[in-house]
Amino acid sequence: MWITIFLLLIFSIAQYLNIAHPKEPQLTRVDIANQQDHKNKMIVDNHALIELQGVWEDALWEESKRNMARVEDVDIRLFYEYKPDFPKNIEQYKIWFSMNGSTEIINPIENTYVKLEGETAKKVQNILLNKTVEKTATP
């Protein structure tokens, strides 16, 4: 009986601390370095972040160490938060937009690659190039 009570107590504490079922990471910010105009921008709009996180989760990433023929159009950093008290996880990506409408993305740290086409590629381009605000310099 004491073992059952002890196990129930441990399980309750784990649930309370969110250890048994960790929270899914939440995209909280995207920093963008545009290689064409050399301007730094940031996305903090919740709707745009949810859309972008959905694209990243649905993409079919493959392990591949790729070298592209030209410099990337944008270099981005995705800031994920797992819990409010924990430090943010930062992922870096390099992105190329093609004239044919496709979008190619490389994670140079994890050596992963994906090529997006159609509406998904257009969605990423629209979010990263249009739905951004200038990053303000802090004094």
N, C-alpha and C. Protein backbone atom coordinates (compact mmCIF):
# COMPACT_ATOMS: atom_id res chain seq x y z
N MET A 1 0.82 -1.19 0.00
CA MET A 1 0.00 0.00 0.00
C MET A 1 0.88 1.26 0.00
N TRP A 2 1.94 1.27 0.80
CA TRP A 2 2.82 2.42 0.85
C TRP A 2 3.49 2.65 -0.49
N ILE A 3 3.81 1.57 -1.19
CA ILE A 3 4.44 1.70 -2.51
C ILE A 3 3.47 2.37 -3.48
N THR A 4 2.22 2.00 -3.45
CA THR A 4 1.21 2.61 -4.32
C THR A 4 1.07 4.09 -4.02
N ILE A 5 1.00 4.44 -2.76
CA ILE A 5 0.88 5.85 -2.37
C ILE A 5 2.13 6.62 -2.80
N PHE A 6 3.31 6.01 -2.60
CA PHE A 6 4.55 6.65 -2.99
C PHE A 6 4.60 6.88 -4.50
N LEU A 7 4.24 5.86 -5.28
CA LEU A 7 4.24 5.98 -6.74
C LEU A 7 3.23 7.03 -7.21
N LEU A 8 2.08 7.06 -6.60
CA LEU A 8 1.06 8.06 -6.94
C LEU A 8 1.56 9.47 -6.63
N LEU A 9 2.25 9.61 -5.51
CA LEU A 9 2.80 10.91 -5.13
C LEU A 9 3.88 11.35 -6.13
N ILE A 10 4.78 10.44 -6.49
CA ILE A 10 5.83 10.76 -7.47
C ILE A 10 5.21 11.14 -8.81
N PHE A 11 4.23 10.39 -9.27
CA PHE A 11 3.59 10.69 -10.55
C PHE A 11 2.90 12.05 -10.50
N SER A 12 2.24 12.36 -9.40
CA SER A 12 1.58 13.67 -9.26
C SER A 12 2.58 14.81 -9.29
N ILE A 13 3.69 14.64 -8.61
CA ILE A 13 4.73 15.68 -8.61
C ILE A 13 5.30 15.84 -10.01
N ALA A 14 5.55 14.73 -10.71
CA ALA A 14 6.09 14.79 -12.07
C ALA A 14 5.12 15.51 -13.00
N GLN A 15 3.84 15.23 -12.87
CA GLN A 15 2.83 15.93 -13.68
C GLN A 15 2.85 17.42 -13.36
N TYR A 16 2.93 17.76 -12.10
CA TYR A 16 2.94 19.16 -11.69
C TYR A 16 4.14 19.88 -12.27
N LEU A 17 5.29 19.25 -12.26
CA LEU A 17 6.51 19.87 -12.77
C LEU A 17 6.66 19.72 -14.27
N ASN A 18 5.71 19.06 -14.90
CA ASN A 18 5.71 18.89 -16.36
C ASN A 18 6.93 18.08 -16.82
N ILE A 19 7.31 17.11 -16.02
CA ILE A 19 8.43 16.25 -16.37
C ILE A 19 7.95 15.04 -17.14
N ALA A 20 6.83 14.47 -16.75
CA ALA A 20 6.32 13.25 -17.39
C ALA A 20 5.93 13.50 -18.84
N HIS A 21 5.37 14.67 -19.11
CA HIS A 21 4.95 15.03 -20.46
C HIS A 21 5.46 16.44 -20.77
N PRO A 22 6.69 16.57 -21.26
CA PRO A 22 7.22 17.91 -21.51
C PRO A 22 6.41 18.65 -22.56
N LYS A 23 6.36 19.94 -22.38
CA LYS A 23 5.62 20.81 -23.29
C LYS A 23 6.31 20.86 -24.65
N GLU A 24 5.50 20.90 -25.70
CA GLU A 24 6.05 21.05 -27.05
C GLU A 24 6.74 22.40 -27.16
N PRO A 25 7.84 22.46 -27.88
CA PRO A 25 8.52 23.75 -28.02
C PRO A 25 7.65 24.76 -28.76
N GLN A 26 7.73 26.00 -28.33
CA GLN A 26 6.95 27.08 -28.93
C GLN A 26 7.90 28.07 -29.58
N LEU A 27 7.70 28.33 -30.86
CA LEU A 27 8.51 29.33 -31.56
C LEU A 27 8.09 30.70 -31.05
N THR A 28 9.05 31.45 -30.51
CA THR A 28 8.72 32.74 -29.89
C THR A 28 9.28 33.94 -30.65
N ARG A 29 10.27 33.69 -31.52
CA ARG A 29 10.88 34.82 -32.25
C ARG A 29 11.71 34.28 -33.40
N VAL A 30 11.80 35.07 -34.46
CA VAL A 30 12.68 34.75 -35.58
C VAL A 30 13.50 35.99 -35.89
N ASP A 31 14.82 35.84 -35.88
CA ASP A 31 15.72 36.92 -36.30
C ASP A 31 16.16 36.63 -37.73
N ILE A 32 16.12 37.65 -38.57
CA ILE A 32 16.44 37.49 -39.99
C ILE A 32 17.55 38.45 -40.37
N ALA A 33 18.58 37.90 -41.01
CA ALA A 33 19.64 38.72 -41.59
C ALA A 33 19.52 38.58 -43.10
N ASN A 34 19.04 39.63 -43.74
CA ASN A 34 18.88 39.61 -45.19
C ASN A 34 20.24 39.88 -45.83
N GLN A 35 20.71 38.93 -46.62
CA GLN A 35 22.04 39.05 -47.22
C GLN A 35 22.06 40.00 -48.43
N GLN A 36 20.88 40.35 -48.94
CA GLN A 36 20.81 41.25 -50.09
C GLN A 36 20.93 42.72 -49.68
N ASP A 37 20.13 43.12 -48.67
CA ASP A 37 20.17 44.53 -48.25
C ASP A 37 20.88 44.72 -46.91
N HIS A 38 21.39 43.65 -46.33
CA HIS A 38 22.17 43.68 -45.08
C HIS A 38 21.42 44.32 -43.92
N LYS A 39 20.09 44.11 -43.88
CA LYS A 39 19.29 44.62 -42.79
C LYS A 39 18.87 43.47 -41.89
N ASN A 40 18.90 43.72 -40.58
CA ASN A 40 18.44 42.73 -39.61
C ASN A 40 16.98 43.02 -39.28
N LYS A 41 16.17 41.96 -39.27
CA LYS A 41 14.76 42.10 -38.95
C LYS A 41 14.37 41.01 -37.97
N MET A 42 13.18 41.17 -37.40
CA MET A 42 12.70 40.24 -36.39
C MET A 42 11.20 39.99 -36.61
N ILE A 43 10.79 38.74 -36.43
CA ILE A 43 9.36 38.41 -36.45
C ILE A 43 8.95 38.05 -35.03
N VAL A 44 7.93 38.72 -34.54
CA VAL A 44 7.36 38.42 -33.23
C VAL A 44 5.85 38.23 -33.30
N ASP A 45 5.27 38.43 -34.48
CA ASP A 45 3.84 38.27 -34.69
C ASP A 45 3.46 36.81 -34.46
N ASN A 46 2.55 36.56 -33.51
CA ASN A 46 2.19 35.20 -33.11
C ASN A 46 1.64 34.38 -34.27
N HIS A 47 0.79 34.96 -35.11
CA HIS A 47 0.22 34.24 -36.24
C HIS A 47 1.31 33.80 -37.21
N ALA A 48 2.23 34.68 -37.54
CA ALA A 48 3.32 34.35 -38.45
C ALA A 48 4.22 33.27 -37.84
N LEU A 49 4.47 33.34 -36.53
CA LEU A 49 5.29 32.34 -35.87
C LEU A 49 4.63 30.96 -35.90
N ILE A 50 3.34 30.91 -35.66
CA ILE A 50 2.61 29.63 -35.71
C ILE A 50 2.65 29.05 -37.12
N GLU A 51 2.45 29.89 -38.13
CA GLU A 51 2.51 29.43 -39.53
C GLU A 51 3.89 28.86 -39.85
N LEU A 52 4.92 29.59 -39.47
CA LEU A 52 6.29 29.16 -39.76
C LEU A 52 6.64 27.87 -39.00
N GLN A 53 6.24 27.78 -37.76
CA GLN A 53 6.51 26.57 -36.99
C GLN A 53 5.80 25.37 -37.62
N GLY A 54 4.60 25.56 -38.13
CA GLY A 54 3.88 24.49 -38.81
C GLY A 54 4.62 24.00 -40.05
N VAL A 55 5.16 24.94 -40.82
CA VAL A 55 5.93 24.56 -42.01
C VAL A 55 7.15 23.76 -41.61
N TRP A 56 7.87 24.21 -40.60
CA TRP A 56 9.09 23.52 -40.15
C TRP A 56 8.77 22.11 -39.66
N GLU A 57 7.65 21.95 -38.93
CA GLU A 57 7.28 20.64 -38.40
C GLU A 57 6.83 19.69 -39.51
N ASP A 58 6.18 20.21 -40.54
CA ASP A 58 5.65 19.37 -41.63
C ASP A 58 6.68 19.07 -42.71
N ALA A 59 7.78 19.81 -42.74
CA ALA A 59 8.78 19.64 -43.79
C ALA A 59 9.45 18.27 -43.68
N LEU A 60 9.81 17.71 -44.81
CA LEU A 60 10.49 16.42 -44.86
C LEU A 60 12.00 16.66 -44.92
N TRP A 61 12.61 16.83 -43.76
CA TRP A 61 14.03 17.14 -43.65
C TRP A 61 14.84 15.90 -43.97
N GLU A 62 15.94 16.08 -44.68
CA GLU A 62 16.84 14.98 -44.95
C GLU A 62 18.24 15.35 -44.47
N GLU A 63 18.97 14.33 -44.03
CA GLU A 63 20.35 14.58 -43.61
C GLU A 63 21.19 14.77 -44.85
N SER A 64 21.83 15.91 -44.94
CA SER A 64 22.63 16.22 -46.13
C SER A 64 23.51 17.42 -45.85
N LYS A 65 24.77 17.28 -46.17
CA LYS A 65 25.68 18.42 -46.05
C LYS A 65 25.78 19.03 -47.44
N ARG A 66 25.09 20.12 -47.65
CA ARG A 66 25.01 20.74 -48.97
C ARG A 66 25.82 22.02 -49.02
N ASN A 67 26.34 22.28 -50.20
CA ASN A 67 26.98 23.56 -50.50
C ASN A 67 26.24 24.15 -51.69
N MET A 68 25.78 25.36 -51.53
CA MET A 68 25.02 26.01 -52.60
C MET A 68 25.96 26.86 -53.44
N ALA A 69 25.53 27.12 -54.69
CA ALA A 69 26.36 27.84 -55.64
C ALA A 69 26.46 29.33 -55.32
N ARG A 70 25.48 29.86 -54.62
CA ARG A 70 25.49 31.29 -54.29
C ARG A 70 25.23 31.48 -52.81
N VAL A 71 25.49 32.68 -52.33
CA VAL A 71 25.27 33.00 -50.92
C VAL A 71 23.76 33.00 -50.64
N GLU A 72 23.38 32.64 -49.44
CA GLU A 72 21.96 32.55 -49.08
C GLU A 72 21.29 33.91 -49.17
N ASP A 73 19.97 33.88 -49.41
CA ASP A 73 19.19 35.11 -49.44
C ASP A 73 18.96 35.65 -48.03
N VAL A 74 18.64 34.74 -47.11
CA VAL A 74 18.47 35.14 -45.71
C VAL A 74 19.09 34.10 -44.80
N ASP A 75 19.56 34.58 -43.67
CA ASP A 75 20.10 33.75 -42.61
C ASP A 75 19.17 33.99 -41.43
N ILE A 76 18.55 32.92 -40.90
CA ILE A 76 17.59 33.13 -39.81
C ILE A 76 17.98 32.34 -38.57
N ARG A 77 17.48 32.83 -37.45
CA ARG A 77 17.62 32.13 -36.18
C ARG A 77 16.22 32.01 -35.58
N LEU A 78 15.84 30.76 -35.26
CA LEU A 78 14.55 30.49 -34.65
C LEU A 78 14.76 30.32 -33.15
N PHE A 79 13.97 31.04 -32.37
CA PHE A 79 14.05 30.97 -30.91
C PHE A 79 12.86 30.17 -30.39
N TYR A 80 13.14 29.01 -29.78
CA TYR A 80 12.11 28.15 -29.23
C TYR A 80 12.14 28.21 -27.71
N GLU A 81 10.95 28.16 -27.12
CA GLU A 81 10.83 28.13 -25.66
C GLU A 81 10.09 26.86 -25.28
N TYR A 82 10.68 26.09 -24.36
CA TYR A 82 10.04 24.87 -23.89
C TYR A 82 9.22 25.13 -22.64
N LYS A 83 9.78 25.89 -21.74
CA LYS A 83 9.10 26.30 -20.51
C LYS A 83 9.54 27.73 -20.22
N PRO A 84 8.69 28.52 -19.60
CA PRO A 84 9.06 29.91 -19.34
C PRO A 84 10.34 30.08 -18.51
N ASP A 85 10.64 29.14 -17.63
CA ASP A 85 11.81 29.28 -16.76
C ASP A 85 13.09 28.72 -17.37
N PHE A 86 12.98 28.06 -18.50
CA PHE A 86 14.14 27.43 -19.12
C PHE A 86 14.72 28.34 -20.18
N PRO A 87 16.02 28.23 -20.46
CA PRO A 87 16.61 29.05 -21.52
C PRO A 87 16.05 28.67 -22.88
N LYS A 88 16.07 29.61 -23.79
CA LYS A 88 15.56 29.38 -25.13
C LYS A 88 16.54 28.52 -25.93
N ASN A 89 15.98 27.73 -26.83
CA ASN A 89 16.78 26.95 -27.77
C ASN A 89 16.83 27.73 -29.07
N ILE A 90 18.01 27.90 -29.63
CA ILE A 90 18.17 28.68 -30.87
C ILE A 90 18.65 27.77 -31.98
N GLU A 91 17.95 27.81 -33.12
CA GLU A 91 18.34 27.05 -34.30
C GLU A 91 18.66 28.01 -35.43
N GLN A 92 19.70 27.71 -36.20
CA GLN A 92 20.13 28.57 -37.30
C GLN A 92 19.83 27.88 -38.63
N TYR A 93 19.37 28.67 -39.60
CA TYR A 93 19.08 28.17 -40.94
C TYR A 93 19.55 29.17 -41.98
N LYS A 94 19.94 28.66 -43.14
CA LYS A 94 20.27 29.48 -44.30
C LYS A 94 19.22 29.15 -45.36
N ILE A 95 18.69 30.20 -46.03
CA ILE A 95 17.56 30.01 -46.94
C ILE A 95 17.83 30.67 -48.27
N TRP A 96 17.50 29.93 -49.35
CA TRP A 96 17.62 30.42 -50.72
C TRP A 96 16.25 30.39 -51.36
N PHE A 97 15.87 31.51 -51.99
CA PHE A 97 14.62 31.61 -52.75
C PHE A 97 14.97 31.53 -54.23
N SER A 98 14.33 30.63 -54.97
CA SER A 98 14.62 30.45 -56.39
C SER A 98 13.63 31.21 -57.25
N MET A 99 14.05 31.50 -58.48
CA MET A 99 13.17 32.19 -59.43
C MET A 99 11.96 31.32 -59.79
N ASN A 100 12.09 30.00 -59.70
CA ASN A 100 10.98 29.11 -60.04
C ASN A 100 9.97 28.97 -58.90
N GLY A 101 10.19 29.68 -57.80
CA GLY A 101 9.24 29.70 -56.69
C GLY A 101 9.58 28.75 -55.55
N SER A 102 10.60 27.93 -55.70
CA SER A 102 10.96 27.00 -54.62
C SER A 102 11.81 27.72 -53.56
N THR A 103 11.87 27.09 -52.39
CA THR A 103 12.65 27.61 -51.28
C THR A 103 13.49 26.46 -50.74
N GLU A 104 14.80 26.68 -50.64
CA GLU A 104 15.70 25.66 -50.12
C GLU A 104 16.26 26.14 -48.78
N ILE A 105 16.24 25.22 -47.80
CA ILE A 105 16.64 25.57 -46.44
C ILE A 105 17.68 24.57 -45.95
N ILE A 106 18.73 25.10 -45.36
CA ILE A 106 19.80 24.27 -44.80
C ILE A 106 20.00 24.64 -43.33
N ASN A 107 20.12 23.64 -42.50
CA ASN A 107 20.57 23.84 -41.12
C ASN A 107 22.03 23.42 -41.10
N PRO A 108 22.97 24.39 -41.07
CA PRO A 108 24.39 24.06 -41.17
C PRO A 108 24.95 23.37 -39.92
N ILE A 109 24.27 23.47 -38.81
CA ILE A 109 24.74 22.83 -37.57
C ILE A 109 24.37 21.34 -37.57
N GLU A 110 23.13 21.04 -37.92
CA GLU A 110 22.66 19.65 -37.91
C GLU A 110 22.82 18.96 -39.27
N ASN A 111 23.30 19.71 -40.28
CA ASN A 111 23.46 19.19 -41.64
C ASN A 111 22.17 18.56 -42.18
N THR A 112 21.08 19.35 -42.10
CA THR A 112 19.80 18.92 -42.65
C THR A 112 19.38 19.89 -43.75
N TYR A 113 18.55 19.39 -44.67
CA TYR A 113 18.16 20.14 -45.87
C TYR A 113 16.72 19.82 -46.20
N VAL A 114 16.02 20.83 -46.73
CA VAL A 114 14.69 20.61 -47.27
C VAL A 114 14.47 21.57 -48.43
N LYS A 115 13.75 21.10 -49.43
CA LYS A 115 13.34 21.95 -50.55
C LYS A 115 11.83 22.03 -50.53
N LEU A 116 11.33 23.26 -50.37
CA LEU A 116 9.89 23.50 -50.34
C LEU A 116 9.45 24.00 -51.71
N GLU A 117 8.26 23.58 -52.11
CA GLU A 117 7.74 24.02 -53.40
C GLU A 117 6.29 24.47 -53.23
N GLY A 118 5.77 25.15 -54.23
CA GLY A 118 4.36 25.53 -54.25
C GLY A 118 3.98 26.52 -53.18
N GLU A 119 2.77 26.30 -52.63
CA GLU A 119 2.22 27.23 -51.64
C GLU A 119 3.06 27.30 -50.36
N THR A 120 3.66 26.18 -49.98
CA THR A 120 4.50 26.18 -48.78
C THR A 120 5.71 27.08 -48.96
N ALA A 121 6.34 27.01 -50.12
CA ALA A 121 7.50 27.86 -50.40
C ALA A 121 7.09 29.33 -50.41
N LYS A 122 5.94 29.63 -51.01
CA LYS A 122 5.45 31.01 -51.05
C LYS A 122 5.14 31.52 -49.65
N LYS A 123 4.57 30.64 -48.81
CA LYS A 123 4.23 31.04 -47.44
C LYS A 123 5.49 31.43 -46.67
N VAL A 124 6.55 30.61 -46.78
CA VAL A 124 7.80 30.91 -46.08
C VAL A 124 8.39 32.22 -46.58
N GLN A 125 8.41 32.41 -47.89
CA GLN A 125 8.97 33.64 -48.46
C GLN A 125 8.17 34.85 -47.99
N ASN A 126 6.85 34.74 -47.99
CA ASN A 126 6.01 35.86 -47.56
C ASN A 126 6.25 36.19 -46.09
N ILE A 127 6.33 35.18 -45.25
CA ILE A 127 6.54 35.42 -43.83
C ILE A 127 7.90 36.06 -43.58
N LEU A 128 8.94 35.50 -44.19
CA LEU A 128 10.30 35.98 -43.89
C LEU A 128 10.63 37.32 -44.53
N LEU A 129 10.07 37.60 -45.70
CA LEU A 129 10.43 38.84 -46.38
C LEU A 129 9.42 39.97 -46.19
N ASN A 130 8.18 39.65 -45.87
CA ASN A 130 7.16 40.69 -45.78
C ASN A 130 6.65 40.95 -44.37
N LYS A 131 6.52 39.92 -43.55
CA LYS A 131 5.95 40.09 -42.23
C LYS A 131 7.03 40.30 -41.19
N THR A 132 7.85 41.27 -41.40
CA THR A 132 8.94 41.53 -40.47
C THR A 132 8.93 42.98 -40.03
N VAL A 133 9.52 43.21 -38.89
CA VAL A 133 9.67 44.57 -38.38
C VAL A 133 11.15 44.82 -38.17
N GLU A 134 11.57 46.02 -38.33
CA GLU A 134 12.98 46.36 -38.13
C GLU A 134 13.37 46.09 -36.69
N LYS A 135 14.52 45.50 -36.50
CA LYS A 135 15.05 45.25 -35.16
C LYS A 135 15.58 46.58 -34.63
N THR A 136 15.14 46.92 -33.45
CA THR A 136 15.59 48.19 -32.87
C THR A 136 16.86 47.96 -32.07
N ALA A 137 17.76 48.87 -32.19
CA ALA A 137 19.02 48.78 -31.46
C ALA A 137 18.80 49.18 -30.01
N THR A 138 19.39 48.43 -29.10
CA THR A 138 19.27 48.77 -27.70
C THR A 138 20.47 49.61 -27.27
N PRO A 139 20.22 50.64 -26.49
CA PRO A 139 21.33 51.52 -26.08
C PRO A 139 22.26 50.86 -25.11
